Amino acid sequence: MLIFEKNSYEKEAAIFKALGHQTRLWIVEQLADGKEHCVCEFVDAVGVDFSTISQHLQVLKRAGVVEDDKRGKQVYYKLSCLCVTSFIDCLKTL
């Protein structure tokens, strides 16, 4: 008999939800180079305000996709869930 345990999929569902926006997918792709990137880099590239990018990054951080490092007034992000880039690459082949 099959039994669905909803709680066992919460983390995975949170990651999928966090990746469910074009800007956040783009951010993850930029972080796939393995380097840390400053919030200001994303603001300049996307062309939206600082708070919008910060909100996107917080969604990714809460899901465990990225981690941050605060240095003075600057916050740098890097990918902490490396397997998501493989998944995104796979989706591009569809």
N, C-alpha and C. Protein backbone atom coordinates (compact mmCIF):
# COMPACT_ATOMS: atom_id res chain seq x y z
N MET A 1 0.83 -1.18 0.00
CA MET A 1 0.00 0.00 0.00
C MET A 1 0.88 1.24 0.00
N LEU A 2 0.54 2.21 -0.83
CA LEU A 2 1.28 3.45 -0.90
C LEU A 2 0.76 4.43 0.14
N ILE A 3 1.70 5.11 0.82
CA ILE A 3 1.32 6.11 1.81
C ILE A 3 2.07 7.39 1.49
N PHE A 4 1.34 8.46 1.34
CA PHE A 4 1.92 9.77 1.04
C PHE A 4 2.20 10.49 2.35
N GLU A 5 3.47 10.82 2.57
CA GLU A 5 3.86 11.57 3.75
C GLU A 5 4.22 12.98 3.31
N LYS A 6 3.25 13.88 3.43
CA LYS A 6 3.38 15.24 2.94
C LYS A 6 4.63 15.95 3.49
N ASN A 7 4.91 15.79 4.75
CA ASN A 7 6.03 16.48 5.39
C ASN A 7 7.39 16.07 4.81
N SER A 8 7.47 14.89 4.23
CA SER A 8 8.75 14.43 3.71
C SER A 8 9.17 15.17 2.45
N TYR A 9 8.28 15.96 1.86
CA TYR A 9 8.59 16.68 0.62
C TYR A 9 8.60 18.20 0.80
N GLU A 10 8.54 18.69 2.02
CA GLU A 10 8.47 20.14 2.25
C GLU A 10 9.70 20.88 1.74
N LYS A 11 10.88 20.37 2.01
CA LYS A 11 12.11 21.04 1.58
C LYS A 11 12.20 21.10 0.06
N GLU A 12 11.93 19.99 -0.59
CA GLU A 12 11.99 19.95 -2.05
C GLU A 12 10.95 20.89 -2.66
N ALA A 13 9.74 20.91 -2.10
CA ALA A 13 8.69 21.79 -2.60
C ALA A 13 9.09 23.26 -2.42
N ALA A 14 9.74 23.58 -1.32
CA ALA A 14 10.19 24.95 -1.08
C ALA A 14 11.23 25.38 -2.12
N ILE A 15 12.10 24.46 -2.50
CA ILE A 15 13.12 24.77 -3.52
C ILE A 15 12.45 25.00 -4.87
N PHE A 16 11.52 24.14 -5.25
CA PHE A 16 10.81 24.33 -6.51
C PHE A 16 10.06 25.66 -6.52
N LYS A 17 9.43 25.98 -5.41
CA LYS A 17 8.69 27.25 -5.31
C LYS A 17 9.65 28.43 -5.45
N ALA A 18 10.81 28.34 -4.80
CA ALA A 18 11.80 29.42 -4.87
C ALA A 18 12.32 29.60 -6.29
N LEU A 19 12.41 28.54 -7.04
CA LEU A 19 12.90 28.61 -8.42
C LEU A 19 11.80 29.01 -9.41
N GLY A 20 10.60 29.24 -8.91
CA GLY A 20 9.46 29.50 -9.77
C GLY A 20 9.30 30.93 -10.25
N HIS A 21 10.38 31.63 -10.43
CA HIS A 21 10.32 32.99 -10.97
C HIS A 21 11.51 33.19 -11.90
N GLN A 22 11.27 33.87 -13.02
CA GLN A 22 12.32 34.04 -14.02
C GLN A 22 13.56 34.73 -13.46
N THR A 23 13.37 35.74 -12.65
CA THR A 23 14.52 36.47 -12.10
C THR A 23 15.33 35.58 -11.18
N ARG A 24 14.66 34.78 -10.37
CA ARG A 24 15.39 33.89 -9.46
C ARG A 24 16.13 32.80 -10.23
N LEU A 25 15.53 32.29 -11.29
CA LEU A 25 16.24 31.32 -12.12
C LEU A 25 17.49 31.95 -12.73
N TRP A 26 17.36 33.17 -13.19
CA TRP A 26 18.50 33.88 -13.77
C TRP A 26 19.59 34.09 -12.72
N ILE A 27 19.21 34.47 -11.51
CA ILE A 27 20.19 34.66 -10.44
C ILE A 27 20.94 33.36 -10.17
N VAL A 28 20.21 32.25 -10.09
CA VAL A 28 20.85 30.96 -9.85
C VAL A 28 21.85 30.65 -10.96
N GLU A 29 21.48 30.93 -12.20
CA GLU A 29 22.40 30.69 -13.31
C GLU A 29 23.66 31.55 -13.19
N GLN A 30 23.51 32.76 -12.72
CA GLN A 30 24.67 33.64 -12.56
C GLN A 30 25.59 33.12 -11.45
N LEU A 31 25.00 32.54 -10.44
CA LEU A 31 25.79 32.00 -9.32
C LEU A 31 26.40 30.65 -9.64
N ALA A 32 25.99 30.05 -10.73
CA ALA A 32 26.50 28.73 -11.12
C ALA A 32 27.98 28.75 -11.48
N ASP A 33 28.54 29.95 -11.67
CA ASP A 33 29.96 30.04 -11.99
C ASP A 33 30.84 29.76 -10.77
N GLY A 34 30.21 29.57 -9.60
CA GLY A 34 30.95 29.24 -8.39
C GLY A 34 31.52 30.43 -7.64
N LYS A 35 31.35 31.61 -8.21
CA LYS A 35 31.86 32.82 -7.57
C LYS A 35 30.78 33.48 -6.73
N GLU A 36 31.22 34.28 -5.76
CA GLU A 36 30.29 35.10 -5.01
C GLU A 36 29.93 36.33 -5.83
N HIS A 37 28.69 36.74 -5.72
CA HIS A 37 28.24 37.93 -6.43
C HIS A 37 27.55 38.86 -5.46
N CYS A 38 27.83 40.14 -5.61
CA CYS A 38 27.23 41.18 -4.79
C CYS A 38 25.81 41.47 -5.28
N VAL A 39 24.95 41.85 -4.37
CA VAL A 39 23.59 42.22 -4.72
C VAL A 39 23.59 43.30 -5.79
N CYS A 40 24.50 44.24 -5.67
CA CYS A 40 24.55 45.36 -6.62
C CYS A 40 24.78 44.89 -8.06
N GLU A 41 25.48 43.78 -8.25
CA GLU A 41 25.68 43.24 -9.60
C GLU A 41 24.35 42.82 -10.22
N PHE A 42 23.50 42.20 -9.42
CA PHE A 42 22.20 41.76 -9.91
C PHE A 42 21.29 42.95 -10.18
N VAL A 43 21.35 43.95 -9.32
CA VAL A 43 20.53 45.15 -9.50
C VAL A 43 20.87 45.81 -10.84
N ASP A 44 22.15 45.98 -11.10
CA ASP A 44 22.59 46.61 -12.35
C ASP A 44 22.17 45.80 -13.57
N ALA A 45 22.32 44.49 -13.50
CA ALA A 45 22.05 43.63 -14.65
C ALA A 45 20.55 43.49 -14.95
N VAL A 46 19.74 43.38 -13.90
CA VAL A 46 18.31 43.15 -14.09
C VAL A 46 17.57 44.47 -14.34
N GLY A 47 18.09 45.54 -13.76
CA GLY A 47 17.45 46.83 -13.97
C GLY A 47 16.25 47.09 -13.08
N VAL A 48 16.24 46.48 -11.91
CA VAL A 48 15.18 46.75 -10.93
C VAL A 48 15.83 47.31 -9.67
N ASP A 49 15.01 47.72 -8.73
CA ASP A 49 15.57 48.33 -7.53
C ASP A 49 16.18 47.29 -6.59
N PHE A 50 16.99 47.79 -5.70
CA PHE A 50 17.75 46.97 -4.76
C PHE A 50 16.82 46.08 -3.93
N SER A 51 15.70 46.64 -3.46
CA SER A 51 14.81 45.87 -2.59
C SER A 51 14.18 44.69 -3.32
N THR A 52 13.89 44.84 -4.60
CA THR A 52 13.31 43.74 -5.37
C THR A 52 14.29 42.58 -5.48
N ILE A 53 15.54 42.88 -5.80
CA ILE A 53 16.57 41.83 -5.89
C ILE A 53 16.79 41.20 -4.51
N SER A 54 16.82 42.02 -3.48
CA SER A 54 17.01 41.48 -2.12
C SER A 54 15.89 40.52 -1.76
N GLN A 55 14.65 40.84 -2.14
CA GLN A 55 13.53 39.95 -1.86
C GLN A 55 13.69 38.62 -2.60
N HIS A 56 14.09 38.68 -3.85
CA HIS A 56 14.32 37.44 -4.61
C HIS A 56 15.41 36.60 -3.95
N LEU A 57 16.48 37.25 -3.53
CA LEU A 57 17.58 36.52 -2.89
C LEU A 57 17.15 35.93 -1.55
N GLN A 58 16.30 36.62 -0.83
CA GLN A 58 15.81 36.08 0.45
C GLN A 58 14.95 34.84 0.24
N VAL A 59 14.16 34.83 -0.82
CA VAL A 59 13.36 33.64 -1.14
C VAL A 59 14.29 32.46 -1.40
N LEU A 60 15.33 32.69 -2.19
CA LEU A 60 16.30 31.63 -2.49
C LEU A 60 17.05 31.20 -1.24
N LYS A 61 17.37 32.14 -0.38
CA LYS A 61 18.10 31.82 0.85
C LYS A 61 17.23 30.99 1.80
N ARG A 62 15.98 31.39 1.99
CA ARG A 62 15.08 30.64 2.88
C ARG A 62 14.89 29.21 2.41
N ALA A 63 14.92 29.00 1.10
CA ALA A 63 14.77 27.65 0.54
C ALA A 63 16.06 26.85 0.60
N GLY A 64 17.18 27.51 0.94
CA GLY A 64 18.45 26.81 1.03
C GLY A 64 19.21 26.73 -0.28
N VAL A 65 18.79 27.52 -1.26
CA VAL A 65 19.43 27.48 -2.57
C VAL A 65 20.71 28.32 -2.57
N VAL A 66 20.70 29.44 -1.85
CA VAL A 66 21.87 30.31 -1.77
C VAL A 66 22.21 30.60 -0.31
N GLU A 67 23.41 31.08 -0.11
CA GLU A 67 23.82 31.57 1.22
C GLU A 67 24.50 32.92 1.03
N ASP A 68 24.47 33.70 2.10
CA ASP A 68 25.04 35.05 1.98
C ASP A 68 26.20 35.26 2.94
N ASP A 69 26.96 36.29 2.63
CA ASP A 69 28.10 36.70 3.46
C ASP A 69 28.11 38.22 3.48
N LYS A 70 27.83 38.79 4.64
CA LYS A 70 27.78 40.24 4.77
C LYS A 70 29.17 40.77 5.06
N ARG A 71 29.58 41.76 4.27
CA ARG A 71 30.88 42.41 4.43
C ARG A 71 30.66 43.91 4.43
N GLY A 72 30.59 44.46 5.61
CA GLY A 72 30.28 45.88 5.71
C GLY A 72 28.87 46.12 5.22
N LYS A 73 28.72 47.02 4.27
CA LYS A 73 27.40 47.32 3.72
C LYS A 73 27.04 46.42 2.56
N GLN A 74 27.99 45.66 2.06
CA GLN A 74 27.75 44.78 0.91
C GLN A 74 27.38 43.37 1.37
N VAL A 75 26.50 42.75 0.62
CA VAL A 75 26.13 41.36 0.88
C VAL A 75 26.45 40.58 -0.39
N TYR A 76 27.20 39.50 -0.20
CA TYR A 76 27.59 38.64 -1.31
C TYR A 76 26.87 37.31 -1.19
N TYR A 77 26.46 36.78 -2.33
CA TYR A 77 25.73 35.52 -2.37
C TYR A 77 26.49 34.49 -3.18
N LYS A 78 26.32 33.23 -2.77
CA LYS A 78 26.84 32.12 -3.55
C LYS A 78 25.84 30.97 -3.48
N LEU A 79 25.94 30.10 -4.43
CA LEU A 79 25.05 28.96 -4.52
C LEU A 79 25.40 27.95 -3.44
N SER A 80 24.41 27.49 -2.70
CA SER A 80 24.67 26.47 -1.69
C SER A 80 24.05 25.12 -2.06
N CYS A 81 23.14 25.14 -3.01
CA CYS A 81 22.50 23.91 -3.50
C CYS A 81 22.94 23.72 -4.95
N LEU A 82 24.11 23.14 -5.12
CA LEU A 82 24.74 23.07 -6.43
C LEU A 82 23.97 22.24 -7.45
N CYS A 83 23.18 21.30 -6.99
CA CYS A 83 22.47 20.41 -7.92
C CYS A 83 21.37 21.12 -8.70
N VAL A 84 20.92 22.28 -8.25
CA VAL A 84 19.84 22.96 -8.98
C VAL A 84 20.29 23.39 -10.38
N THR A 85 21.57 23.66 -10.54
CA THR A 85 22.03 24.08 -11.87
C THR A 85 21.93 22.92 -12.87
N SER A 86 22.19 21.72 -12.41
CA SER A 86 22.02 20.55 -13.29
C SER A 86 20.57 20.38 -13.70
N PHE A 87 19.69 20.59 -12.76
CA PHE A 87 18.27 20.48 -13.04
C PHE A 87 17.83 21.55 -14.06
N ILE A 88 18.27 22.78 -13.86
CA ILE A 88 17.93 23.86 -14.78
C ILE A 88 18.49 23.56 -16.16
N ASP A 89 19.72 23.10 -16.23
CA ASP A 89 20.31 22.73 -17.52
C ASP A 89 19.50 21.64 -18.21
N CYS A 90 19.06 20.67 -17.43
CA CYS A 90 18.25 19.58 -17.98
C CYS A 90 16.95 20.13 -18.56
N LEU A 91 16.32 21.06 -17.88
CA LEU A 91 15.06 21.63 -18.35
C LEU A 91 15.22 22.36 -19.68
N LYS A 92 16.39 22.92 -19.91
CA LYS A 92 16.63 23.66 -21.15
C LYS A 92 16.66 22.74 -22.37
N THR A 93 16.83 21.45 -22.15
CA THR A 93 16.87 20.50 -23.27
C THR A 93 15.48 20.06 -23.69
N LEU A 94 14.48 20.42 -22.93
CA LEU A 94 13.10 20.00 -23.26
C LEU A 94 12.54 20.76 -24.41
